[in-house]
Amino acid sequence: MRPACNKALRDTLYQLAFTTLGRVPWARGFYDKKRKAGKSHSAALRALSNKWVPILFAMWKSGSVYEEERIIAARAA
């Protein structure tokens, strides 16, 4: 983790990652994969939050809403 980052944004992304564990199947799968690879809970959540950043940026840039089917299709391609 970078000490010179926006801590409010970092915390928000961490909470987003934690919240999606129970609601988004691909997020749970990614988290479980990281945990099986030996990562700690915090490290796995940070890795998951890093996966959310480009998704959130694309949503913001295009003005669209989250569509899980679209994300799953993009990950499969």
PDB file of N, CA and C in Angstrom:
ATOM      1  N   MET A   1       0.836  -1.179   0.000  1.00  0.00           N
ATOM      2  CA  MET A   1       0.000   0.000   0.000  1.00  0.00           C
ATOM      3  C   MET A   1       0.880   1.240   0.000  1.00  0.00           C
ATOM      4  N   ARG A   2       0.437   2.213  -0.748  1.00  0.00           N
ATOM      5  CA  ARG A   2       1.166   3.468  -0.793  1.00  0.00           C
ATOM      6  C   ARG A   2       0.731   4.370   0.358  1.00  0.00           C
ATOM      7  N   PRO A   3       1.685   4.898   1.106  1.00  0.00           N
ATOM      8  CA  PRO A   3       1.299   5.789   2.198  1.00  0.00           C
ATOM      9  C   PRO A   3       0.786   7.139   1.695  1.00  0.00           C
ATOM     10  N   ALA A   4       1.166   7.540   0.482  1.00  0.00           N
ATOM     11  CA  ALA A   4       0.771   8.849  -0.045  1.00  0.00           C
ATOM     12  C   ALA A   4      -0.434   8.733  -0.977  1.00  0.00           C
ATOM     13  N   CYS A   5      -1.424   7.958  -0.585  1.00  0.00           N
ATOM     14  CA  CYS A   5      -2.611   7.798  -1.418  1.00  0.00           C
ATOM     15  C   CYS A   5      -3.796   8.503  -0.765  1.00  0.00           C
ATOM     16  N   ASN A   6      -4.891   8.550  -1.487  1.00  0.00           N
ATOM     17  CA  ASN A   6      -6.131   9.103  -0.957  1.00  0.00           C
ATOM     18  C   ASN A   6      -6.729   8.039  -0.030  1.00  0.00           C
ATOM     19  N   LYS A   7      -6.611   8.250   1.257  1.00  0.00           N
ATOM     20  CA  LYS A   7      -7.016   7.229   2.222  1.00  0.00           C
ATOM     21  C   LYS A   7      -8.525   7.004   2.250  1.00  0.00           C
ATOM     22  N   ALA A   8      -9.296   8.038   2.002  1.00  0.00           N
ATOM     23  CA  ALA A   8     -10.749   7.883   1.964  1.00  0.00           C
ATOM     24  C   ALA A   8     -11.154   7.008   0.777  1.00  0.00           C
ATOM     25  N   LEU A   9     -10.521   7.227  -0.362  1.00  0.00           N
ATOM     26  CA  LEU A   9     -10.806   6.398  -1.531  1.00  0.00           C
ATOM     27  C   LEU A   9     -10.350   4.961  -1.297  1.00  0.00           C
ATOM     28  N   ARG A  10      -9.177   4.808  -0.703  1.00  0.00           N
ATOM     29  CA  ARG A  10      -8.670   3.469  -0.402  1.00  0.00           C
ATOM     30  C   ARG A  10      -9.631   2.720   0.514  1.00  0.00           C
ATOM     31  N   ASP A  11     -10.112   3.379   1.551  1.00  0.00           N
ATOM     32  CA  ASP A  11     -11.055   2.748   2.473  1.00  0.00           C
ATOM     33  C   ASP A  11     -12.376   2.414   1.790  1.00  0.00           C
ATOM     34  N   THR A  12     -12.834   3.310   0.926  1.00  0.00           N
ATOM     35  CA  THR A  12     -14.080   3.072   0.204  1.00  0.00           C
ATOM     36  C   THR A  12     -13.968   1.858  -0.704  1.00  0.00           C
ATOM     37  N   LEU A  13     -12.859   1.744  -1.431  1.00  0.00           N
ATOM     38  CA  LEU A  13     -12.660   0.593  -2.308  1.00  0.00           C
ATOM     39  C   LEU A  13     -12.541  -0.702  -1.508  1.00  0.00           C
ATOM     40  N   TYR A  14     -11.898  -0.634  -0.351  1.00  0.00           N
ATOM     41  CA  TYR A  14     -11.770  -1.804   0.520  1.00  0.00           C
ATOM     42  C   TYR A  14     -13.151  -2.264   0.993  1.00  0.00           C
ATOM     43  N   GLN A  15     -13.990  -1.306   1.402  1.00  0.00           N
ATOM     44  CA  GLN A  15     -15.347  -1.635   1.844  1.00  0.00           C
ATOM     45  C   GLN A  15     -16.191  -2.162   0.691  1.00  0.00           C
ATOM     46  N   LEU A  16     -16.022  -1.595  -0.499  1.00  0.00           N
ATOM     47  CA  LEU A  16     -16.729  -2.093  -1.679  1.00  0.00           C
ATOM     48  C   LEU A  16     -16.356  -3.548  -1.934  1.00  0.00           C
ATOM     49  N   ALA A  17     -15.070  -3.844  -1.892  1.00  0.00           N
ATOM     50  CA  ALA A  17     -14.613  -5.212  -2.125  1.00  0.00           C
ATOM     51  C   ALA A  17     -15.218  -6.159  -1.091  1.00  0.00           C
ATOM     52  N   PHE A  18     -15.217  -5.759   0.169  1.00  0.00           N
ATOM     53  CA  PHE A  18     -15.770  -6.607   1.224  1.00  0.00           C
ATOM     54  C   PHE A  18     -17.268  -6.831   1.017  1.00  0.00           C
ATOM     55  N   THR A  19     -17.979  -5.778   0.662  1.00  0.00           N
ATOM     56  CA  THR A  19     -19.426  -5.864   0.471  1.00  0.00           C
ATOM     57  C   THR A  19     -19.793  -6.771  -0.698  1.00  0.00           C
ATOM     58  N   THR A  20     -18.988  -6.750  -1.744  1.00  0.00           N
ATOM     59  CA  THR A  20     -19.318  -7.540  -2.929  1.00  0.00           C
ATOM     60  C   THR A  20     -19.059  -9.035  -2.747  1.00  0.00           C
ATOM     61  N   LEU A  21     -18.357  -9.411  -1.695  1.00  0.00           N
ATOM     62  CA  LEU A  21     -18.081 -10.837  -1.487  1.00  0.00           C
ATOM     63  C   LEU A  21     -19.360 -11.660  -1.405  1.00  0.00           C
ATOM     64  N   GLY A  22     -20.381 -11.124  -0.795  1.00  0.00           N
ATOM     65  CA  GLY A  22     -21.623 -11.866  -0.633  1.00  0.00           C
ATOM     66  C   GLY A  22     -22.641 -11.631  -1.729  1.00  0.00           C
ATOM     67  N   ARG A  23     -22.334 -10.714  -2.654  1.00  0.00           N
ATOM     68  CA  ARG A  23     -23.329 -10.343  -3.657  1.00  0.00           C
ATOM     69  C   ARG A  23     -22.903 -10.587  -5.097  1.00  0.00           C
ATOM     70  N   VAL A  24     -21.609 -10.656  -5.350  1.00  0.00           N
ATOM     71  CA  VAL A  24     -21.106 -10.761  -6.718  1.00  0.00           C
ATOM     72  C   VAL A  24     -20.287 -12.045  -6.835  1.00  0.00           C
ATOM     73  N   PRO A  25     -20.803 -13.039  -7.585  1.00  0.00           N
ATOM     74  CA  PRO A  25     -20.121 -14.337  -7.647  1.00  0.00           C
ATOM     75  C   PRO A  25     -18.681 -14.284  -8.164  1.00  0.00           C
ATOM     76  N   TRP A  26     -18.397 -13.484  -9.186  1.00  0.00           N
ATOM     77  CA  TRP A  26     -17.029 -13.452  -9.699  1.00  0.00           C
ATOM     78  C   TRP A  26     -16.077 -12.844  -8.662  1.00  0.00           C
ATOM     79  N   ALA A  27     -16.581 -11.894  -7.867  1.00  0.00           N
ATOM     80  CA  ALA A  27     -15.750 -11.280  -6.824  1.00  0.00           C
ATOM     81  C   ALA A  27     -15.411 -12.303  -5.745  1.00  0.00           C
ATOM     82  N   ARG A  28     -16.407 -13.108  -5.351  1.00  0.00           N
ATOM     83  CA  ARG A  28     -16.166 -14.154  -4.353  1.00  0.00           C
ATOM     84  C   ARG A  28     -15.158 -15.172  -4.882  1.00  0.00           C
ATOM     85  N   GLY A  29     -15.292 -15.540  -6.156  1.00  0.00           N
ATOM     86  CA  GLY A  29     -14.352 -16.487  -6.751  1.00  0.00           C
ATOM     87  C   GLY A  29     -12.931 -15.939  -6.781  1.00  0.00           C
ATOM     88  N   PHE A  30     -12.794 -14.664  -7.131  1.00  0.00           N
ATOM     89  CA  PHE A  30     -11.478 -14.033  -7.165  1.00  0.00           C
ATOM     90  C   PHE A  30     -10.868 -13.993  -5.765  1.00  0.00           C
ATOM     91  N   TYR A  31     -11.672 -13.601  -4.777  1.00  0.00           N
ATOM     92  CA  TYR A  31     -11.211 -13.543  -3.390  1.00  0.00           C
ATOM     93  C   TYR A  31     -10.768 -14.930  -2.908  1.00  0.00           C
ATOM     94  N   ASP A  32     -11.598 -15.942  -3.159  1.00  0.00           N
ATOM     95  CA  ASP A  32     -11.262 -17.301  -2.729  1.00  0.00           C
ATOM     96  C   ASP A  32      -9.977 -17.795  -3.382  1.00  0.00           C
ATOM     97  N   LYS A  33      -9.793 -17.436  -4.637  1.00  0.00           N
ATOM     98  CA  LYS A  33      -8.574 -17.831  -5.359  1.00  0.00           C
ATOM     99  C   LYS A  33      -7.336 -17.210  -4.701  1.00  0.00           C
ATOM    100  N   LYS A  34      -7.443 -15.948  -4.340  1.00  0.00           N
ATOM    101  CA  LYS A  34      -6.326 -15.272  -3.669  1.00  0.00           C
ATOM    102  C   LYS A  34      -6.051 -15.883  -2.292  1.00  0.00           C
ATOM    103  N   ARG A  35      -7.117 -16.217  -1.556  1.00  0.00           N
ATOM    104  CA  ARG A  35      -6.942 -16.825  -0.232  1.00  0.00           C
ATOM    105  C   ARG A  35      -6.273 -18.195  -0.351  1.00  0.00           C
ATOM    106  N   LYS A  36      -6.671 -18.973  -1.367  1.00  0.00           N
ATOM    107  CA  LYS A  36      -6.052 -20.285  -1.567  1.00  0.00           C
ATOM    108  C   LYS A  36      -4.591 -20.154  -1.970  1.00  0.00           C
ATOM    109  N   ALA A  37      -4.250 -19.027  -2.584  1.00  0.00           N
ATOM    110  CA  ALA A  37      -2.860 -18.776  -2.976  1.00  0.00           C
ATOM    111  C   ALA A  37      -2.011 -18.323  -1.793  1.00  0.00           C
ATOM    112  N   GLY A  38      -2.623 -18.222  -0.609  1.00  0.00           N
ATOM    113  CA  GLY A  38      -1.872 -17.883   0.586  1.00  0.00           C
ATOM    114  C   GLY A  38      -1.928 -16.425   0.993  1.00  0.00           C
ATOM    115  N   LYS A  39      -2.731 -15.630   0.321  1.00  0.00           N
ATOM    116  CA  LYS A  39      -2.850 -14.220   0.679  1.00  0.00           C
ATOM    117  C   LYS A  39      -3.698 -14.064   1.935  1.00  0.00           C
ATOM    118  N   SER A  40      -3.410 -13.042   2.701  1.00  0.00           N
ATOM    119  CA  SER A  40      -4.210 -12.750   3.892  1.00  0.00           C
ATOM    120  C   SER A  40      -5.554 -12.168   3.452  1.00  0.00           C
ATOM    121  N   HIS A  41      -6.469 -12.081   4.406  1.00  0.00           N
ATOM    122  CA  HIS A  41      -7.782 -11.506   4.118  1.00  0.00           C
ATOM    123  C   HIS A  41      -7.638 -10.089   3.560  1.00  0.00           C
ATOM    124  N   SER A  42      -6.816  -9.290   4.200  1.00  0.00           N
ATOM    125  CA  SER A  42      -6.626  -7.900   3.765  1.00  0.00           C
ATOM    126  C   SER A  42      -5.995  -7.819   2.385  1.00  0.00           C
ATOM    127  N   ALA A  43      -4.999  -8.635   2.142  1.00  0.00           N
ATOM    128  CA  ALA A  43      -4.334  -8.621   0.832  1.00  0.00           C
ATOM    129  C   ALA A  43      -5.287  -9.069  -0.272  1.00  0.00           C
ATOM    130  N   ALA A  44      -6.113 -10.068   0.018  1.00  0.00           N
ATOM    131  CA  ALA A  44      -7.086 -10.530  -0.969  1.00  0.00           C
ATOM    132  C   ALA A  44      -8.127  -9.453  -1.251  1.00  0.00           C
ATOM    133  N   LEU A  45      -8.561  -8.729  -0.221  1.00  0.00           N
ATOM    134  CA  LEU A  45      -9.518  -7.642  -0.424  1.00  0.00           C
ATOM    135  C   LEU A  45      -8.891  -6.493  -1.206  1.00  0.00           C
ATOM    136  N   ARG A  46      -7.630  -6.198  -0.935  1.00  0.00           N
ATOM    137  CA  ARG A  46      -6.957  -5.145  -1.699  1.00  0.00           C
ATOM    138  C   ARG A  46      -6.835  -5.540  -3.165  1.00  0.00           C
ATOM    139  N   ALA A  47      -6.518  -6.799  -3.429  1.00  0.00           N
ATOM    140  CA  ALA A  47      -6.435  -7.268  -4.811  1.00  0.00           C
ATOM    141  C   ALA A  47      -7.802  -7.180  -5.492  1.00  0.00           C
ATOM    142  N   LEU A  48      -8.849  -7.532  -4.770  1.00  0.00           N
ATOM    143  CA  LEU A  48     -10.202  -7.439  -5.316  1.00  0.00           C
ATOM    144  C   LEU A  48     -10.581  -5.986  -5.567  1.00  0.00           C
ATOM    145  N   SER A  49     -10.225  -5.102  -4.664  1.00  0.00           N
ATOM    146  CA  SER A  49     -10.550  -3.693  -4.886  1.00  0.00           C
ATOM    147  C   SER A  49      -9.808  -3.159  -6.106  1.00  0.00           C
ATOM    148  N   ASN A  50      -8.602  -3.663  -6.360  1.00  0.00           N
ATOM    149  CA  ASN A  50      -7.874  -3.271  -7.569  1.00  0.00           C
ATOM    150  C   ASN A  50      -8.587  -3.751  -8.831  1.00  0.00           C
ATOM    151  N   LYS A  51      -9.304  -4.856  -8.754  1.00  0.00           N
ATOM    152  CA  LYS A  51     -10.101  -5.337  -9.889  1.00  0.00           C
ATOM    153  C   LYS A  51     -11.307  -4.434 -10.126  1.00  0.00           C
ATOM    154  N   TRP A  52     -11.835  -3.856  -9.071  1.00  0.00           N
ATOM    155  CA  TRP A  52     -13.009  -2.992  -9.198  1.00  0.00           C
ATOM    156  C   TRP A  52     -12.683  -1.638  -9.814  1.00  0.00           C
ATOM    157  N   VAL A  53     -11.466  -1.150  -9.661  1.00  0.00           N
ATOM    158  CA  VAL A  53     -11.117   0.194 -10.122  1.00  0.00           C
ATOM    159  C   VAL A  53     -11.390   0.389 -11.616  1.00  0.00           C
ATOM    160  N   PRO A  54     -10.895  -0.476 -12.520  1.00  0.00           N
ATOM    161  CA  PRO A  54     -11.188  -0.235 -13.942  1.00  0.00           C
ATOM    162  C   PRO A  54     -12.673  -0.379 -14.280  1.00  0.00           C
ATOM    163  N   ILE A  55     -13.374  -1.230 -13.545  1.00  0.00           N
ATOM    164  CA  ILE A  55     -14.809  -1.386 -13.766  1.00  0.00           C
ATOM    165  C   ILE A  55     -15.527  -0.092 -13.394  1.00  0.00           C
ATOM    166  N   LEU A  56     -15.200   0.449 -12.230  1.00  0.00           N
ATOM    167  CA  LEU A  56     -15.820   1.697 -11.778  1.00  0.00           C
ATOM    168  C   LEU A  56     -15.461   2.862 -12.699  1.00  0.00           C
ATOM    169  N   PHE A  57     -14.222   2.893 -13.148  1.00  0.00           N
ATOM    170  CA  PHE A  57     -13.801   3.969 -14.047  1.00  0.00           C
ATOM    171  C   PHE A  57     -14.559   3.898 -15.368  1.00  0.00           C
ATOM    172  N   ALA A  58     -14.710   2.700 -15.915  1.00  0.00           N
ATOM    173  CA  ALA A  58     -15.456   2.545 -17.171  1.00  0.00           C
ATOM    174  C   ALA A  58     -16.917   2.948 -16.990  1.00  0.00           C
ATOM    175  N   MET A  59     -17.502   2.593 -15.854  1.00  0.00           N
ATOM    176  CA  MET A  59     -18.886   2.989 -15.575  1.00  0.00           C
ATOM    177  C   MET A  59     -19.003   4.507 -15.487  1.00  0.00           C
ATOM    178  N   TRP A  60     -18.069   5.134 -14.810  1.00  0.00           N
ATOM    179  CA  TRP A  60     -18.081   6.583 -14.653  1.00  0.00           C
ATOM    180  C   TRP A  60     -17.897   7.267 -16.009  1.00  0.00           C
ATOM    181  N   LYS A  61     -16.942   6.761 -16.792  1.00  0.00           N
ATOM    182  CA  LYS A  61     -16.628   7.377 -18.081  1.00  0.00           C
ATOM    183  C   LYS A  61     -17.792   7.279 -19.060  1.00  0.00           C
ATOM    184  N   SER A  62     -18.470   6.139 -19.076  1.00  0.00           N
ATOM    185  CA  SER A  62     -19.568   5.942 -20.022  1.00  0.00           C
ATOM    186  C   SER A  62     -20.924   6.380 -19.450  1.00  0.00           C
ATOM    187  N   GLY A  63     -20.985   6.633 -18.155  1.00  0.00           N
ATOM    188  CA  GLY A  63     -22.242   7.017 -17.533  1.00  0.00           C
ATOM    189  C   GLY A  63     -23.220   5.862 -17.415  1.00  0.00           C
ATOM    190  N   SER A  64     -22.696   4.642 -17.393  1.00  0.00           N
ATOM    191  CA  SER A  64     -23.561   3.462 -17.329  1.00  0.00           C
ATOM    192  C   SER A  64     -23.646   2.932 -15.903  1.00  0.00           C
ATOM    193  N   VAL A  65     -24.518   1.964 -15.729  1.00  0.00           N
ATOM    194  CA  VAL A  65     -24.670   1.304 -14.436  1.00  0.00           C
ATOM    195  C   VAL A  65     -23.982  -0.059 -14.500  1.00  0.00           C
ATOM    196  N   TYR A  66     -23.794  -0.658 -13.335  1.00  0.00           N
ATOM    197  CA  TYR A  66     -23.151  -1.969 -13.264  1.00  0.00           C
ATOM    198  C   TYR A  66     -24.068  -3.038 -13.834  1.00  0.00           C
ATOM    199  N   GLU A  67     -23.547  -3.784 -14.788  1.00  0.00           N
ATOM    200  CA  GLU A  67     -24.265  -4.909 -15.373  1.00  0.00           C
ATOM    201  C   GLU A  67     -23.366  -6.131 -15.255  1.00  0.00           C
ATOM    202  N   GLU A  68     -23.738  -7.023 -14.363  1.00  0.00           N
ATOM    203  CA  GLU A  68     -22.876  -8.175 -14.081  1.00  0.00           C
ATOM    204  C   GLU A  68     -22.662  -9.046 -15.309  1.00  0.00           C
ATOM    205  N   GLU A  69     -23.686  -9.220 -16.136  1.00  0.00           N
ATOM    206  CA  GLU A  69     -23.543 -10.040 -17.327  1.00  0.00           C
ATOM    207  C   GLU A  69     -22.454  -9.489 -18.246  1.00  0.00           C
ATOM    208  N   ARG A  70     -22.396  -8.176 -18.333  1.00  0.00           N
ATOM    209  CA  ARG A  70     -21.390  -7.532 -19.167  1.00  0.00           C
ATOM    210  C   ARG A  70     -19.984  -7.786 -18.619  1.00  0.00           C
ATOM    211  N   ILE A  71     -19.820  -7.726 -17.327  1.00  0.00           N
ATOM    212  CA  ILE A  71     -18.524  -7.954 -16.700  1.00  0.00           C
ATOM    213  C   ILE A  71     -18.088  -9.407 -16.890  1.00  0.00           C
ATOM    214  N   ILE A  72     -19.023 -10.333 -16.701  1.00  0.00           N
ATOM    215  CA  ILE A  72     -18.706 -11.755 -16.858  1.00  0.00           C
ATOM    216  C   ILE A  72     -18.314 -12.044 -18.303  1.00  0.00           C
ATOM    217  N   ALA A  73     -19.035 -11.465 -19.261  1.00  0.00           N
ATOM    218  CA  ALA A  73     -18.703 -11.660 -20.672  1.00  0.00           C
ATOM    219  C   ALA A  73     -17.325 -11.097 -21.000  1.00  0.00           C
ATOM    220  N   ALA A  74     -16.999  -9.945 -20.435  1.00  0.00           N
ATOM    221  CA  ALA A  74     -15.694  -9.330 -20.687  1.00  0.00           C
ATOM    222  C   ALA A  74     -14.574 -10.157 -20.070  1.00  0.00           C
ATOM    223  N   ARG A  75     -14.814 -10.741 -18.914  1.00  0.00           N
ATOM    224  CA  ARG A  75     -13.787 -11.571 -18.259  1.00  0.00           C
ATOM    225  C   ARG A  75     -13.580 -12.883 -18.995  1.00  0.00           C
ATOM    226  N   ALA A  76     -14.639 -13.398 -19.648  1.00  0.00           N
ATOM    227  CA  ALA A  76     -14.539 -14.656 -20.373  1.00  0.00           C
ATOM    228  C   ALA A  76     -13.816 -14.483 -21.708  1.00  0.00           C
ATOM    229  N   ALA A  77     -13.875 -13.282 -22.268  1.00  0.00           N
ATOM    230  CA  ALA A  77     -13.274 -13.037 -23.588  1.00  0.00           C
ATOM    231  C   ALA A  77     -11.786 -12.920 -23.526  1.00  0.00           C
TER     232      ALA A  77
END
